Amino acid sequence: PILLDANTTPMQTLAQIPGQAVRIK
């Protein structure tokens, strides 16, 4: 949504499979 100029979303994000991720502001 940030890339689409929407600051929020009503949907939840979840990881399907355990693993590593990178978080960037």
PDBML (XML) file of the C-alpha atoms, coordinates in Angstrom:
<?xml version="1.0" encoding="UTF-8" ?>
<PDBx:datablock datablockName="MODEL"
   xmlns:PDBx="http://pdbml.pdb.org/schema/pdbx-v50.xsd"
   xmlns:xsi="http://www.w3.org/2001/XMLSchema-instance"
   xsi:schemaLocation="http://pdbml.pdb.org/schema/pdbx-v50.xsd pdbx-v50.xsd">
   <PDBx:atom_siteCategory>
      <PDBx:atom_site id="1">
         <PDBx:B_iso_or_equiv>0.00</PDBx:B_iso_or_equiv>
         <PDBx:Cartn_x>0.000</PDBx:Cartn_x>
         <PDBx:Cartn_y>0.000</PDBx:Cartn_y>
         <PDBx:Cartn_z>0.000</PDBx:Cartn_z>
         <PDBx:auth_asym_id>A</PDBx:auth_asym_id>
         <PDBx:auth_atom_id>CA</PDBx:auth_atom_id>
         <PDBx:auth_comp_id>PRO</PDBx:auth_comp_id>
         <PDBx:auth_seq_id>1</PDBx:auth_seq_id>
         <PDBx:group_PDB>ATOM</PDBx:group_PDB>
         <PDBx:label_alt_id xsi:nil="true" />
         <PDBx:label_asym_id>A</PDBx:label_asym_id>
         <PDBx:label_atom_id>CA</PDBx:label_atom_id>
         <PDBx:label_comp_id>PRO</PDBx:label_comp_id>
         <PDBx:label_entity_id>1</PDBx:label_entity_id>
         <PDBx:label_seq_id>1</PDBx:label_seq_id>
         <PDBx:occupancy>1.00</PDBx:occupancy>
         <PDBx:pdbx_PDB_model_num>1</PDBx:pdbx_PDB_model_num>
         <PDBx:type_symbol>C</PDBx:type_symbol>
      </PDBx:atom_site>
      <PDBx:atom_site id="2">
         <PDBx:B_iso_or_equiv>0.00</PDBx:B_iso_or_equiv>
         <PDBx:Cartn_x>2.893</PDBx:Cartn_x>
         <PDBx:Cartn_y>2.426</PDBx:Cartn_y>
         <PDBx:Cartn_z>0.632</PDBx:Cartn_z>
         <PDBx:auth_asym_id>A</PDBx:auth_asym_id>
         <PDBx:auth_atom_id>CA</PDBx:auth_atom_id>
         <PDBx:auth_comp_id>ILE</PDBx:auth_comp_id>
         <PDBx:auth_seq_id>2</PDBx:auth_seq_id>
         <PDBx:group_PDB>ATOM</PDBx:group_PDB>
         <PDBx:label_alt_id xsi:nil="true" />
         <PDBx:label_asym_id>A</PDBx:label_asym_id>
         <PDBx:label_atom_id>CA</PDBx:label_atom_id>
         <PDBx:label_comp_id>ILE</PDBx:label_comp_id>
         <PDBx:label_entity_id>1</PDBx:label_entity_id>
         <PDBx:label_seq_id>2</PDBx:label_seq_id>
         <PDBx:occupancy>1.00</PDBx:occupancy>
         <PDBx:pdbx_PDB_model_num>1</PDBx:pdbx_PDB_model_num>
         <PDBx:type_symbol>C</PDBx:type_symbol>
      </PDBx:atom_site>
      <PDBx:atom_site id="3">
         <PDBx:B_iso_or_equiv>0.00</PDBx:B_iso_or_equiv>
         <PDBx:Cartn_x>3.917</PDBx:Cartn_x>
         <PDBx:Cartn_y>2.114</PDBx:Cartn_y>
         <PDBx:Cartn_z>-3.021</PDBx:Cartn_z>
         <PDBx:auth_asym_id>A</PDBx:auth_asym_id>
         <PDBx:auth_atom_id>CA</PDBx:auth_atom_id>
         <PDBx:auth_comp_id>LEU</PDBx:auth_comp_id>
         <PDBx:auth_seq_id>3</PDBx:auth_seq_id>
         <PDBx:group_PDB>ATOM</PDBx:group_PDB>
         <PDBx:label_alt_id xsi:nil="true" />
         <PDBx:label_asym_id>A</PDBx:label_asym_id>
         <PDBx:label_atom_id>CA</PDBx:label_atom_id>
         <PDBx:label_comp_id>LEU</PDBx:label_comp_id>
         <PDBx:label_entity_id>1</PDBx:label_entity_id>
         <PDBx:label_seq_id>3</PDBx:label_seq_id>
         <PDBx:occupancy>1.00</PDBx:occupancy>
         <PDBx:pdbx_PDB_model_num>1</PDBx:pdbx_PDB_model_num>
         <PDBx:type_symbol>C</PDBx:type_symbol>
      </PDBx:atom_site>
      <PDBx:atom_site id="4">
         <PDBx:B_iso_or_equiv>0.00</PDBx:B_iso_or_equiv>
         <PDBx:Cartn_x>0.326</PDBx:Cartn_x>
         <PDBx:Cartn_y>2.787</PDBx:Cartn_y>
         <PDBx:Cartn_z>-4.075</PDBx:Cartn_z>
         <PDBx:auth_asym_id>A</PDBx:auth_asym_id>
         <PDBx:auth_atom_id>CA</PDBx:auth_atom_id>
         <PDBx:auth_comp_id>LEU</PDBx:auth_comp_id>
         <PDBx:auth_seq_id>4</PDBx:auth_seq_id>
         <PDBx:group_PDB>ATOM</PDBx:group_PDB>
         <PDBx:label_alt_id xsi:nil="true" />
         <PDBx:label_asym_id>A</PDBx:label_asym_id>
         <PDBx:label_atom_id>CA</PDBx:label_atom_id>
         <PDBx:label_comp_id>LEU</PDBx:label_comp_id>
         <PDBx:label_entity_id>1</PDBx:label_entity_id>
         <PDBx:label_seq_id>4</PDBx:label_seq_id>
         <PDBx:occupancy>1.00</PDBx:occupancy>
         <PDBx:pdbx_PDB_model_num>1</PDBx:pdbx_PDB_model_num>
         <PDBx:type_symbol>C</PDBx:type_symbol>
      </PDBx:atom_site>
      <PDBx:atom_site id="5">
         <PDBx:B_iso_or_equiv>0.00</PDBx:B_iso_or_equiv>
         <PDBx:Cartn_x>0.147</PDBx:Cartn_x>
         <PDBx:Cartn_y>5.975</PDBx:Cartn_y>
         <PDBx:Cartn_z>-1.973</PDBx:Cartn_z>
         <PDBx:auth_asym_id>A</PDBx:auth_asym_id>
         <PDBx:auth_atom_id>CA</PDBx:auth_atom_id>
         <PDBx:auth_comp_id>ASP</PDBx:auth_comp_id>
         <PDBx:auth_seq_id>5</PDBx:auth_seq_id>
         <PDBx:group_PDB>ATOM</PDBx:group_PDB>
         <PDBx:label_alt_id xsi:nil="true" />
         <PDBx:label_asym_id>A</PDBx:label_asym_id>
         <PDBx:label_atom_id>CA</PDBx:label_atom_id>
         <PDBx:label_comp_id>ASP</PDBx:label_comp_id>
         <PDBx:label_entity_id>1</PDBx:label_entity_id>
         <PDBx:label_seq_id>5</PDBx:label_seq_id>
         <PDBx:occupancy>1.00</PDBx:occupancy>
         <PDBx:pdbx_PDB_model_num>1</PDBx:pdbx_PDB_model_num>
         <PDBx:type_symbol>C</PDBx:type_symbol>
      </PDBx:atom_site>
      <PDBx:atom_site id="6">
         <PDBx:B_iso_or_equiv>0.00</PDBx:B_iso_or_equiv>
         <PDBx:Cartn_x>-2.086</PDBx:Cartn_x>
         <PDBx:Cartn_y>4.366</PDBx:Cartn_y>
         <PDBx:Cartn_z>0.650</PDBx:Cartn_z>
         <PDBx:auth_asym_id>A</PDBx:auth_asym_id>
         <PDBx:auth_atom_id>CA</PDBx:auth_atom_id>
         <PDBx:auth_comp_id>ALA</PDBx:auth_comp_id>
         <PDBx:auth_seq_id>6</PDBx:auth_seq_id>
         <PDBx:group_PDB>ATOM</PDBx:group_PDB>
         <PDBx:label_alt_id xsi:nil="true" />
         <PDBx:label_asym_id>A</PDBx:label_asym_id>
         <PDBx:label_atom_id>CA</PDBx:label_atom_id>
         <PDBx:label_comp_id>ALA</PDBx:label_comp_id>
         <PDBx:label_entity_id>1</PDBx:label_entity_id>
         <PDBx:label_seq_id>6</PDBx:label_seq_id>
         <PDBx:occupancy>1.00</PDBx:occupancy>
         <PDBx:pdbx_PDB_model_num>1</PDBx:pdbx_PDB_model_num>
         <PDBx:type_symbol>C</PDBx:type_symbol>
      </PDBx:atom_site>
      <PDBx:atom_site id="7">
         <PDBx:B_iso_or_equiv>0.00</PDBx:B_iso_or_equiv>
         <PDBx:Cartn_x>-0.624</PDBx:Cartn_x>
         <PDBx:Cartn_y>4.620</PDBx:Cartn_y>
         <PDBx:Cartn_z>4.128</PDBx:Cartn_z>
         <PDBx:auth_asym_id>A</PDBx:auth_asym_id>
         <PDBx:auth_atom_id>CA</PDBx:auth_atom_id>
         <PDBx:auth_comp_id>ASN</PDBx:auth_comp_id>
         <PDBx:auth_seq_id>7</PDBx:auth_seq_id>
         <PDBx:group_PDB>ATOM</PDBx:group_PDB>
         <PDBx:label_alt_id xsi:nil="true" />
         <PDBx:label_asym_id>A</PDBx:label_asym_id>
         <PDBx:label_atom_id>CA</PDBx:label_atom_id>
         <PDBx:label_comp_id>ASN</PDBx:label_comp_id>
         <PDBx:label_entity_id>1</PDBx:label_entity_id>
         <PDBx:label_seq_id>7</PDBx:label_seq_id>
         <PDBx:occupancy>1.00</PDBx:occupancy>
         <PDBx:pdbx_PDB_model_num>1</PDBx:pdbx_PDB_model_num>
         <PDBx:type_symbol>C</PDBx:type_symbol>
      </PDBx:atom_site>
      <PDBx:atom_site id="8">
         <PDBx:B_iso_or_equiv>0.00</PDBx:B_iso_or_equiv>
         <PDBx:Cartn_x>-2.655</PDBx:Cartn_x>
         <PDBx:Cartn_y>1.831</PDBx:Cartn_y>
         <PDBx:Cartn_z>5.710</PDBx:Cartn_z>
         <PDBx:auth_asym_id>A</PDBx:auth_asym_id>
         <PDBx:auth_atom_id>CA</PDBx:auth_atom_id>
         <PDBx:auth_comp_id>THR</PDBx:auth_comp_id>
         <PDBx:auth_seq_id>8</PDBx:auth_seq_id>
         <PDBx:group_PDB>ATOM</PDBx:group_PDB>
         <PDBx:label_alt_id xsi:nil="true" />
         <PDBx:label_asym_id>A</PDBx:label_asym_id>
         <PDBx:label_atom_id>CA</PDBx:label_atom_id>
         <PDBx:label_comp_id>THR</PDBx:label_comp_id>
         <PDBx:label_entity_id>1</PDBx:label_entity_id>
         <PDBx:label_seq_id>8</PDBx:label_seq_id>
         <PDBx:occupancy>1.00</PDBx:occupancy>
         <PDBx:pdbx_PDB_model_num>1</PDBx:pdbx_PDB_model_num>
         <PDBx:type_symbol>C</PDBx:type_symbol>
      </PDBx:atom_site>
      <PDBx:atom_site id="9">
         <PDBx:B_iso_or_equiv>0.00</PDBx:B_iso_or_equiv>
         <PDBx:Cartn_x>-4.552</PDBx:Cartn_x>
         <PDBx:Cartn_y>-1.299</PDBx:Cartn_y>
         <PDBx:Cartn_z>4.787</PDBx:Cartn_z>
         <PDBx:auth_asym_id>A</PDBx:auth_asym_id>
         <PDBx:auth_atom_id>CA</PDBx:auth_atom_id>
         <PDBx:auth_comp_id>THR</PDBx:auth_comp_id>
         <PDBx:auth_seq_id>9</PDBx:auth_seq_id>
         <PDBx:group_PDB>ATOM</PDBx:group_PDB>
         <PDBx:label_alt_id xsi:nil="true" />
         <PDBx:label_asym_id>A</PDBx:label_asym_id>
         <PDBx:label_atom_id>CA</PDBx:label_atom_id>
         <PDBx:label_comp_id>THR</PDBx:label_comp_id>
         <PDBx:label_entity_id>1</PDBx:label_entity_id>
         <PDBx:label_seq_id>9</PDBx:label_seq_id>
         <PDBx:occupancy>1.00</PDBx:occupancy>
         <PDBx:pdbx_PDB_model_num>1</PDBx:pdbx_PDB_model_num>
         <PDBx:type_symbol>C</PDBx:type_symbol>
      </PDBx:atom_site>
      <PDBx:atom_site id="10">
         <PDBx:B_iso_or_equiv>0.00</PDBx:B_iso_or_equiv>
         <PDBx:Cartn_x>-7.447</PDBx:Cartn_x>
         <PDBx:Cartn_y>-3.064</PDBx:Cartn_y>
         <PDBx:Cartn_z>6.491</PDBx:Cartn_z>
         <PDBx:auth_asym_id>A</PDBx:auth_asym_id>
         <PDBx:auth_atom_id>CA</PDBx:auth_atom_id>
         <PDBx:auth_comp_id>PRO</PDBx:auth_comp_id>
         <PDBx:auth_seq_id>10</PDBx:auth_seq_id>
         <PDBx:group_PDB>ATOM</PDBx:group_PDB>
         <PDBx:label_alt_id xsi:nil="true" />
         <PDBx:label_asym_id>A</PDBx:label_asym_id>
         <PDBx:label_atom_id>CA</PDBx:label_atom_id>
         <PDBx:label_comp_id>PRO</PDBx:label_comp_id>
         <PDBx:label_entity_id>1</PDBx:label_entity_id>
         <PDBx:label_seq_id>10</PDBx:label_seq_id>
         <PDBx:occupancy>1.00</PDBx:occupancy>
         <PDBx:pdbx_PDB_model_num>1</PDBx:pdbx_PDB_model_num>
         <PDBx:type_symbol>C</PDBx:type_symbol>
      </PDBx:atom_site>
      <PDBx:atom_site id="11">
         <PDBx:B_iso_or_equiv>0.00</PDBx:B_iso_or_equiv>
         <PDBx:Cartn_x>-5.795</PDBx:Cartn_x>
         <PDBx:Cartn_y>-6.419</PDBx:Cartn_y>
         <PDBx:Cartn_z>5.789</PDBx:Cartn_z>
         <PDBx:auth_asym_id>A</PDBx:auth_asym_id>
         <PDBx:auth_atom_id>CA</PDBx:auth_atom_id>
         <PDBx:auth_comp_id>MET</PDBx:auth_comp_id>
         <PDBx:auth_seq_id>11</PDBx:auth_seq_id>
         <PDBx:group_PDB>ATOM</PDBx:group_PDB>
         <PDBx:label_alt_id xsi:nil="true" />
         <PDBx:label_asym_id>A</PDBx:label_asym_id>
         <PDBx:label_atom_id>CA</PDBx:label_atom_id>
         <PDBx:label_comp_id>MET</PDBx:label_comp_id>
         <PDBx:label_entity_id>1</PDBx:label_entity_id>
         <PDBx:label_seq_id>11</PDBx:label_seq_id>
         <PDBx:occupancy>1.00</PDBx:occupancy>
         <PDBx:pdbx_PDB_model_num>1</PDBx:pdbx_PDB_model_num>
         <PDBx:type_symbol>C</PDBx:type_symbol>
      </PDBx:atom_site>
      <PDBx:atom_site id="12">
         <PDBx:B_iso_or_equiv>0.00</PDBx:B_iso_or_equiv>
         <PDBx:Cartn_x>-3.513</PDBx:Cartn_x>
         <PDBx:Cartn_y>-8.399</PDBx:Cartn_y>
         <PDBx:Cartn_z>8.041</PDBx:Cartn_z>
         <PDBx:auth_asym_id>A</PDBx:auth_asym_id>
         <PDBx:auth_atom_id>CA</PDBx:auth_atom_id>
         <PDBx:auth_comp_id>GLN</PDBx:auth_comp_id>
         <PDBx:auth_seq_id>12</PDBx:auth_seq_id>
         <PDBx:group_PDB>ATOM</PDBx:group_PDB>
         <PDBx:label_alt_id xsi:nil="true" />
         <PDBx:label_asym_id>A</PDBx:label_asym_id>
         <PDBx:label_atom_id>CA</PDBx:label_atom_id>
         <PDBx:label_comp_id>GLN</PDBx:label_comp_id>
         <PDBx:label_entity_id>1</PDBx:label_entity_id>
         <PDBx:label_seq_id>12</PDBx:label_seq_id>
         <PDBx:occupancy>1.00</PDBx:occupancy>
         <PDBx:pdbx_PDB_model_num>1</PDBx:pdbx_PDB_model_num>
         <PDBx:type_symbol>C</PDBx:type_symbol>
      </PDBx:atom_site>
      <PDBx:atom_site id="13">
         <PDBx:B_iso_or_equiv>0.00</PDBx:B_iso_or_equiv>
         <PDBx:Cartn_x>-0.087</PDBx:Cartn_x>
         <PDBx:Cartn_y>-9.560</PDBx:Cartn_y>
         <PDBx:Cartn_z>6.863</PDBx:Cartn_z>
         <PDBx:auth_asym_id>A</PDBx:auth_asym_id>
         <PDBx:auth_atom_id>CA</PDBx:auth_atom_id>
         <PDBx:auth_comp_id>THR</PDBx:auth_comp_id>
         <PDBx:auth_seq_id>13</PDBx:auth_seq_id>
         <PDBx:group_PDB>ATOM</PDBx:group_PDB>
         <PDBx:label_alt_id xsi:nil="true" />
         <PDBx:label_asym_id>A</PDBx:label_asym_id>
         <PDBx:label_atom_id>CA</PDBx:label_atom_id>
         <PDBx:label_comp_id>THR</PDBx:label_comp_id>
         <PDBx:label_entity_id>1</PDBx:label_entity_id>
         <PDBx:label_seq_id>13</PDBx:label_seq_id>
         <PDBx:occupancy>1.00</PDBx:occupancy>
         <PDBx:pdbx_PDB_model_num>1</PDBx:pdbx_PDB_model_num>
         <PDBx:type_symbol>C</PDBx:type_symbol>
      </PDBx:atom_site>
      <PDBx:atom_site id="14">
         <PDBx:B_iso_or_equiv>0.00</PDBx:B_iso_or_equiv>
         <PDBx:Cartn_x>1.267</PDBx:Cartn_x>
         <PDBx:Cartn_y>-12.865</PDBx:Cartn_y>
         <PDBx:Cartn_z>8.070</PDBx:Cartn_z>
         <PDBx:auth_asym_id>A</PDBx:auth_asym_id>
         <PDBx:auth_atom_id>CA</PDBx:auth_atom_id>
         <PDBx:auth_comp_id>LEU</PDBx:auth_comp_id>
         <PDBx:auth_seq_id>14</PDBx:auth_seq_id>
         <PDBx:group_PDB>ATOM</PDBx:group_PDB>
         <PDBx:label_alt_id xsi:nil="true" />
         <PDBx:label_asym_id>A</PDBx:label_asym_id>
         <PDBx:label_atom_id>CA</PDBx:label_atom_id>
         <PDBx:label_comp_id>LEU</PDBx:label_comp_id>
         <PDBx:label_entity_id>1</PDBx:label_entity_id>
         <PDBx:label_seq_id>14</PDBx:label_seq_id>
         <PDBx:occupancy>1.00</PDBx:occupancy>
         <PDBx:pdbx_PDB_model_num>1</PDBx:pdbx_PDB_model_num>
         <PDBx:type_symbol>C</PDBx:type_symbol>
      </PDBx:atom_site>
      <PDBx:atom_site id="15">
         <PDBx:B_iso_or_equiv>0.00</PDBx:B_iso_or_equiv>
         <PDBx:Cartn_x>4.184</PDBx:Cartn_x>
         <PDBx:Cartn_y>-15.122</PDBx:Cartn_y>
         <PDBx:Cartn_z>7.311</PDBx:Cartn_z>
         <PDBx:auth_asym_id>A</PDBx:auth_asym_id>
         <PDBx:auth_atom_id>CA</PDBx:auth_atom_id>
         <PDBx:auth_comp_id>ALA</PDBx:auth_comp_id>
         <PDBx:auth_seq_id>15</PDBx:auth_seq_id>
         <PDBx:group_PDB>ATOM</PDBx:group_PDB>
         <PDBx:label_alt_id xsi:nil="true" />
         <PDBx:label_asym_id>A</PDBx:label_asym_id>
         <PDBx:label_atom_id>CA</PDBx:label_atom_id>
         <PDBx:label_comp_id>ALA</PDBx:label_comp_id>
         <PDBx:label_entity_id>1</PDBx:label_entity_id>
         <PDBx:label_seq_id>15</PDBx:label_seq_id>
         <PDBx:occupancy>1.00</PDBx:occupancy>
         <PDBx:pdbx_PDB_model_num>1</PDBx:pdbx_PDB_model_num>
         <PDBx:type_symbol>C</PDBx:type_symbol>
      </PDBx:atom_site>
      <PDBx:atom_site id="16">
         <PDBx:B_iso_or_equiv>0.00</PDBx:B_iso_or_equiv>
         <PDBx:Cartn_x>3.050</PDBx:Cartn_x>
         <PDBx:Cartn_y>-18.407</PDBx:Cartn_y>
         <PDBx:Cartn_z>5.816</PDBx:Cartn_z>
         <PDBx:auth_asym_id>A</PDBx:auth_asym_id>
         <PDBx:auth_atom_id>CA</PDBx:auth_atom_id>
         <PDBx:auth_comp_id>GLN</PDBx:auth_comp_id>
         <PDBx:auth_seq_id>16</PDBx:auth_seq_id>
         <PDBx:group_PDB>ATOM</PDBx:group_PDB>
         <PDBx:label_alt_id xsi:nil="true" />
         <PDBx:label_asym_id>A</PDBx:label_asym_id>
         <PDBx:label_atom_id>CA</PDBx:label_atom_id>
         <PDBx:label_comp_id>GLN</PDBx:label_comp_id>
         <PDBx:label_entity_id>1</PDBx:label_entity_id>
         <PDBx:label_seq_id>16</PDBx:label_seq_id>
         <PDBx:occupancy>1.00</PDBx:occupancy>
         <PDBx:pdbx_PDB_model_num>1</PDBx:pdbx_PDB_model_num>
         <PDBx:type_symbol>C</PDBx:type_symbol>
      </PDBx:atom_site>
      <PDBx:atom_site id="17">
         <PDBx:B_iso_or_equiv>0.00</PDBx:B_iso_or_equiv>
         <PDBx:Cartn_x>6.253</PDBx:Cartn_x>
         <PDBx:Cartn_y>-20.330</PDBx:Cartn_y>
         <PDBx:Cartn_z>6.455</PDBx:Cartn_z>
         <PDBx:auth_asym_id>A</PDBx:auth_asym_id>
         <PDBx:auth_atom_id>CA</PDBx:auth_atom_id>
         <PDBx:auth_comp_id>ILE</PDBx:auth_comp_id>
         <PDBx:auth_seq_id>17</PDBx:auth_seq_id>
         <PDBx:group_PDB>ATOM</PDBx:group_PDB>
         <PDBx:label_alt_id xsi:nil="true" />
         <PDBx:label_asym_id>A</PDBx:label_asym_id>
         <PDBx:label_atom_id>CA</PDBx:label_atom_id>
         <PDBx:label_comp_id>ILE</PDBx:label_comp_id>
         <PDBx:label_entity_id>1</PDBx:label_entity_id>
         <PDBx:label_seq_id>17</PDBx:label_seq_id>
         <PDBx:occupancy>1.00</PDBx:occupancy>
         <PDBx:pdbx_PDB_model_num>1</PDBx:pdbx_PDB_model_num>
         <PDBx:type_symbol>C</PDBx:type_symbol>
      </PDBx:atom_site>
      <PDBx:atom_site id="18">
         <PDBx:B_iso_or_equiv>0.00</PDBx:B_iso_or_equiv>
         <PDBx:Cartn_x>8.883</PDBx:Cartn_x>
         <PDBx:Cartn_y>-19.683</PDBx:Cartn_y>
         <PDBx:Cartn_z>9.149</PDBx:Cartn_z>
         <PDBx:auth_asym_id>A</PDBx:auth_asym_id>
         <PDBx:auth_atom_id>CA</PDBx:auth_atom_id>
         <PDBx:auth_comp_id>PRO</PDBx:auth_comp_id>
         <PDBx:auth_seq_id>18</PDBx:auth_seq_id>
         <PDBx:group_PDB>ATOM</PDBx:group_PDB>
         <PDBx:label_alt_id xsi:nil="true" />
         <PDBx:label_asym_id>A</PDBx:label_asym_id>
         <PDBx:label_atom_id>CA</PDBx:label_atom_id>
         <PDBx:label_comp_id>PRO</PDBx:label_comp_id>
         <PDBx:label_entity_id>1</PDBx:label_entity_id>
         <PDBx:label_seq_id>18</PDBx:label_seq_id>
         <PDBx:occupancy>1.00</PDBx:occupancy>
         <PDBx:pdbx_PDB_model_num>1</PDBx:pdbx_PDB_model_num>
         <PDBx:type_symbol>C</PDBx:type_symbol>
      </PDBx:atom_site>
      <PDBx:atom_site id="19">
         <PDBx:B_iso_or_equiv>0.00</PDBx:B_iso_or_equiv>
         <PDBx:Cartn_x>12.077</PDBx:Cartn_x>
         <PDBx:Cartn_y>-18.127</PDBx:Cartn_y>
         <PDBx:Cartn_z>7.888</PDBx:Cartn_z>
         <PDBx:auth_asym_id>A</PDBx:auth_asym_id>
         <PDBx:auth_atom_id>CA</PDBx:auth_atom_id>
         <PDBx:auth_comp_id>GLY</PDBx:auth_comp_id>
         <PDBx:auth_seq_id>19</PDBx:auth_seq_id>
         <PDBx:group_PDB>ATOM</PDBx:group_PDB>
         <PDBx:label_alt_id xsi:nil="true" />
         <PDBx:label_asym_id>A</PDBx:label_asym_id>
         <PDBx:label_atom_id>CA</PDBx:label_atom_id>
         <PDBx:label_comp_id>GLY</PDBx:label_comp_id>
         <PDBx:label_entity_id>1</PDBx:label_entity_id>
         <PDBx:label_seq_id>19</PDBx:label_seq_id>
         <PDBx:occupancy>1.00</PDBx:occupancy>
         <PDBx:pdbx_PDB_model_num>1</PDBx:pdbx_PDB_model_num>
         <PDBx:type_symbol>C</PDBx:type_symbol>
      </PDBx:atom_site>
      <PDBx:atom_site id="20">
         <PDBx:B_iso_or_equiv>0.00</PDBx:B_iso_or_equiv>
         <PDBx:Cartn_x>14.091</PDBx:Cartn_x>
         <PDBx:Cartn_y>-14.936</PDBx:Cartn_y>
         <PDBx:Cartn_z>7.815</PDBx:Cartn_z>
         <PDBx:auth_asym_id>A</PDBx:auth_asym_id>
         <PDBx:auth_atom_id>CA</PDBx:auth_atom_id>
         <PDBx:auth_comp_id>GLN</PDBx:auth_comp_id>
         <PDBx:auth_seq_id>20</PDBx:auth_seq_id>
         <PDBx:group_PDB>ATOM</PDBx:group_PDB>
         <PDBx:label_alt_id xsi:nil="true" />
         <PDBx:label_asym_id>A</PDBx:label_asym_id>
         <PDBx:label_atom_id>CA</PDBx:label_atom_id>
         <PDBx:label_comp_id>GLN</PDBx:label_comp_id>
         <PDBx:label_entity_id>1</PDBx:label_entity_id>
         <PDBx:label_seq_id>20</PDBx:label_seq_id>
         <PDBx:occupancy>1.00</PDBx:occupancy>
         <PDBx:pdbx_PDB_model_num>1</PDBx:pdbx_PDB_model_num>
         <PDBx:type_symbol>C</PDBx:type_symbol>
      </PDBx:atom_site>
      <PDBx:atom_site id="21">
         <PDBx:B_iso_or_equiv>0.00</PDBx:B_iso_or_equiv>
         <PDBx:Cartn_x>12.924</PDBx:Cartn_x>
         <PDBx:Cartn_y>-11.516</PDBx:Cartn_y>
         <PDBx:Cartn_z>6.711</PDBx:Cartn_z>
         <PDBx:auth_asym_id>A</PDBx:auth_asym_id>
         <PDBx:auth_atom_id>CA</PDBx:auth_atom_id>
         <PDBx:auth_comp_id>ALA</PDBx:auth_comp_id>
         <PDBx:auth_seq_id>21</PDBx:auth_seq_id>
         <PDBx:group_PDB>ATOM</PDBx:group_PDB>
         <PDBx:label_alt_id xsi:nil="true" />
         <PDBx:label_asym_id>A</PDBx:label_asym_id>
         <PDBx:label_atom_id>CA</PDBx:label_atom_id>
         <PDBx:label_comp_id>ALA</PDBx:label_comp_id>
         <PDBx:label_entity_id>1</PDBx:label_entity_id>
         <PDBx:label_seq_id>21</PDBx:label_seq_id>
         <PDBx:occupancy>1.00</PDBx:occupancy>
         <PDBx:pdbx_PDB_model_num>1</PDBx:pdbx_PDB_model_num>
         <PDBx:type_symbol>C</PDBx:type_symbol>
      </PDBx:atom_site>
      <PDBx:atom_site id="22">
         <PDBx:B_iso_or_equiv>0.00</PDBx:B_iso_or_equiv>
         <PDBx:Cartn_x>14.311</PDBx:Cartn_x>
         <PDBx:Cartn_y>-8.030</PDBx:Cartn_y>
         <PDBx:Cartn_z>6.348</PDBx:Cartn_z>
         <PDBx:auth_asym_id>A</PDBx:auth_asym_id>
         <PDBx:auth_atom_id>CA</PDBx:auth_atom_id>
         <PDBx:auth_comp_id>VAL</PDBx:auth_comp_id>
         <PDBx:auth_seq_id>22</PDBx:auth_seq_id>
         <PDBx:group_PDB>ATOM</PDBx:group_PDB>
         <PDBx:label_alt_id xsi:nil="true" />
         <PDBx:label_asym_id>A</PDBx:label_asym_id>
         <PDBx:label_atom_id>CA</PDBx:label_atom_id>
         <PDBx:label_comp_id>VAL</PDBx:label_comp_id>
         <PDBx:label_entity_id>1</PDBx:label_entity_id>
         <PDBx:label_seq_id>22</PDBx:label_seq_id>
         <PDBx:occupancy>1.00</PDBx:occupancy>
         <PDBx:pdbx_PDB_model_num>1</PDBx:pdbx_PDB_model_num>
         <PDBx:type_symbol>C</PDBx:type_symbol>
      </PDBx:atom_site>
      <PDBx:atom_site id="23">
         <PDBx:B_iso_or_equiv>0.00</PDBx:B_iso_or_equiv>
         <PDBx:Cartn_x>12.421</PDBx:Cartn_x>
         <PDBx:Cartn_y>-5.052</PDBx:Cartn_y>
         <PDBx:Cartn_z>7.698</PDBx:Cartn_z>
         <PDBx:auth_asym_id>A</PDBx:auth_asym_id>
         <PDBx:auth_atom_id>CA</PDBx:auth_atom_id>
         <PDBx:auth_comp_id>ARG</PDBx:auth_comp_id>
         <PDBx:auth_seq_id>23</PDBx:auth_seq_id>
         <PDBx:group_PDB>ATOM</PDBx:group_PDB>
         <PDBx:label_alt_id xsi:nil="true" />
         <PDBx:label_asym_id>A</PDBx:label_asym_id>
         <PDBx:label_atom_id>CA</PDBx:label_atom_id>
         <PDBx:label_comp_id>ARG</PDBx:label_comp_id>
         <PDBx:label_entity_id>1</PDBx:label_entity_id>
         <PDBx:label_seq_id>23</PDBx:label_seq_id>
         <PDBx:occupancy>1.00</PDBx:occupancy>
         <PDBx:pdbx_PDB_model_num>1</PDBx:pdbx_PDB_model_num>
         <PDBx:type_symbol>C</PDBx:type_symbol>
      </PDBx:atom_site>
      <PDBx:atom_site id="24">
         <PDBx:B_iso_or_equiv>0.00</PDBx:B_iso_or_equiv>
         <PDBx:Cartn_x>12.940</PDBx:Cartn_x>
         <PDBx:Cartn_y>-1.675</PDBx:Cartn_y>
         <PDBx:Cartn_z>6.054</PDBx:Cartn_z>
         <PDBx:auth_asym_id>A</PDBx:auth_asym_id>
         <PDBx:auth_atom_id>CA</PDBx:auth_atom_id>
         <PDBx:auth_comp_id>ILE</PDBx:auth_comp_id>
         <PDBx:auth_seq_id>24</PDBx:auth_seq_id>
         <PDBx:group_PDB>ATOM</PDBx:group_PDB>
         <PDBx:label_alt_id xsi:nil="true" />
         <PDBx:label_asym_id>A</PDBx:label_asym_id>
         <PDBx:label_atom_id>CA</PDBx:label_atom_id>
         <PDBx:label_comp_id>ILE</PDBx:label_comp_id>
         <PDBx:label_entity_id>1</PDBx:label_entity_id>
         <PDBx:label_seq_id>24</PDBx:label_seq_id>
         <PDBx:occupancy>1.00</PDBx:occupancy>
         <PDBx:pdbx_PDB_model_num>1</PDBx:pdbx_PDB_model_num>
         <PDBx:type_symbol>C</PDBx:type_symbol>
      </PDBx:atom_site>
      <PDBx:atom_site id="25">
         <PDBx:B_iso_or_equiv>0.00</PDBx:B_iso_or_equiv>
         <PDBx:Cartn_x>11.177</PDBx:Cartn_x>
         <PDBx:Cartn_y>1.506</PDBx:Cartn_y>
         <PDBx:Cartn_z>7.078</PDBx:Cartn_z>
         <PDBx:auth_asym_id>A</PDBx:auth_asym_id>
         <PDBx:auth_atom_id>CA</PDBx:auth_atom_id>
         <PDBx:auth_comp_id>LYS</PDBx:auth_comp_id>
         <PDBx:auth_seq_id>25</PDBx:auth_seq_id>
         <PDBx:group_PDB>ATOM</PDBx:group_PDB>
         <PDBx:label_alt_id xsi:nil="true" />
         <PDBx:label_asym_id>A</PDBx:label_asym_id>
         <PDBx:label_atom_id>CA</PDBx:label_atom_id>
         <PDBx:label_comp_id>LYS</PDBx:label_comp_id>
         <PDBx:label_entity_id>1</PDBx:label_entity_id>
         <PDBx:label_seq_id>25</PDBx:label_seq_id>
         <PDBx:occupancy>1.00</PDBx:occupancy>
         <PDBx:pdbx_PDB_model_num>1</PDBx:pdbx_PDB_model_num>
         <PDBx:type_symbol>C</PDBx:type_symbol>
      </PDBx:atom_site>
   </PDBx:atom_siteCategory>
</PDBx:datablock>
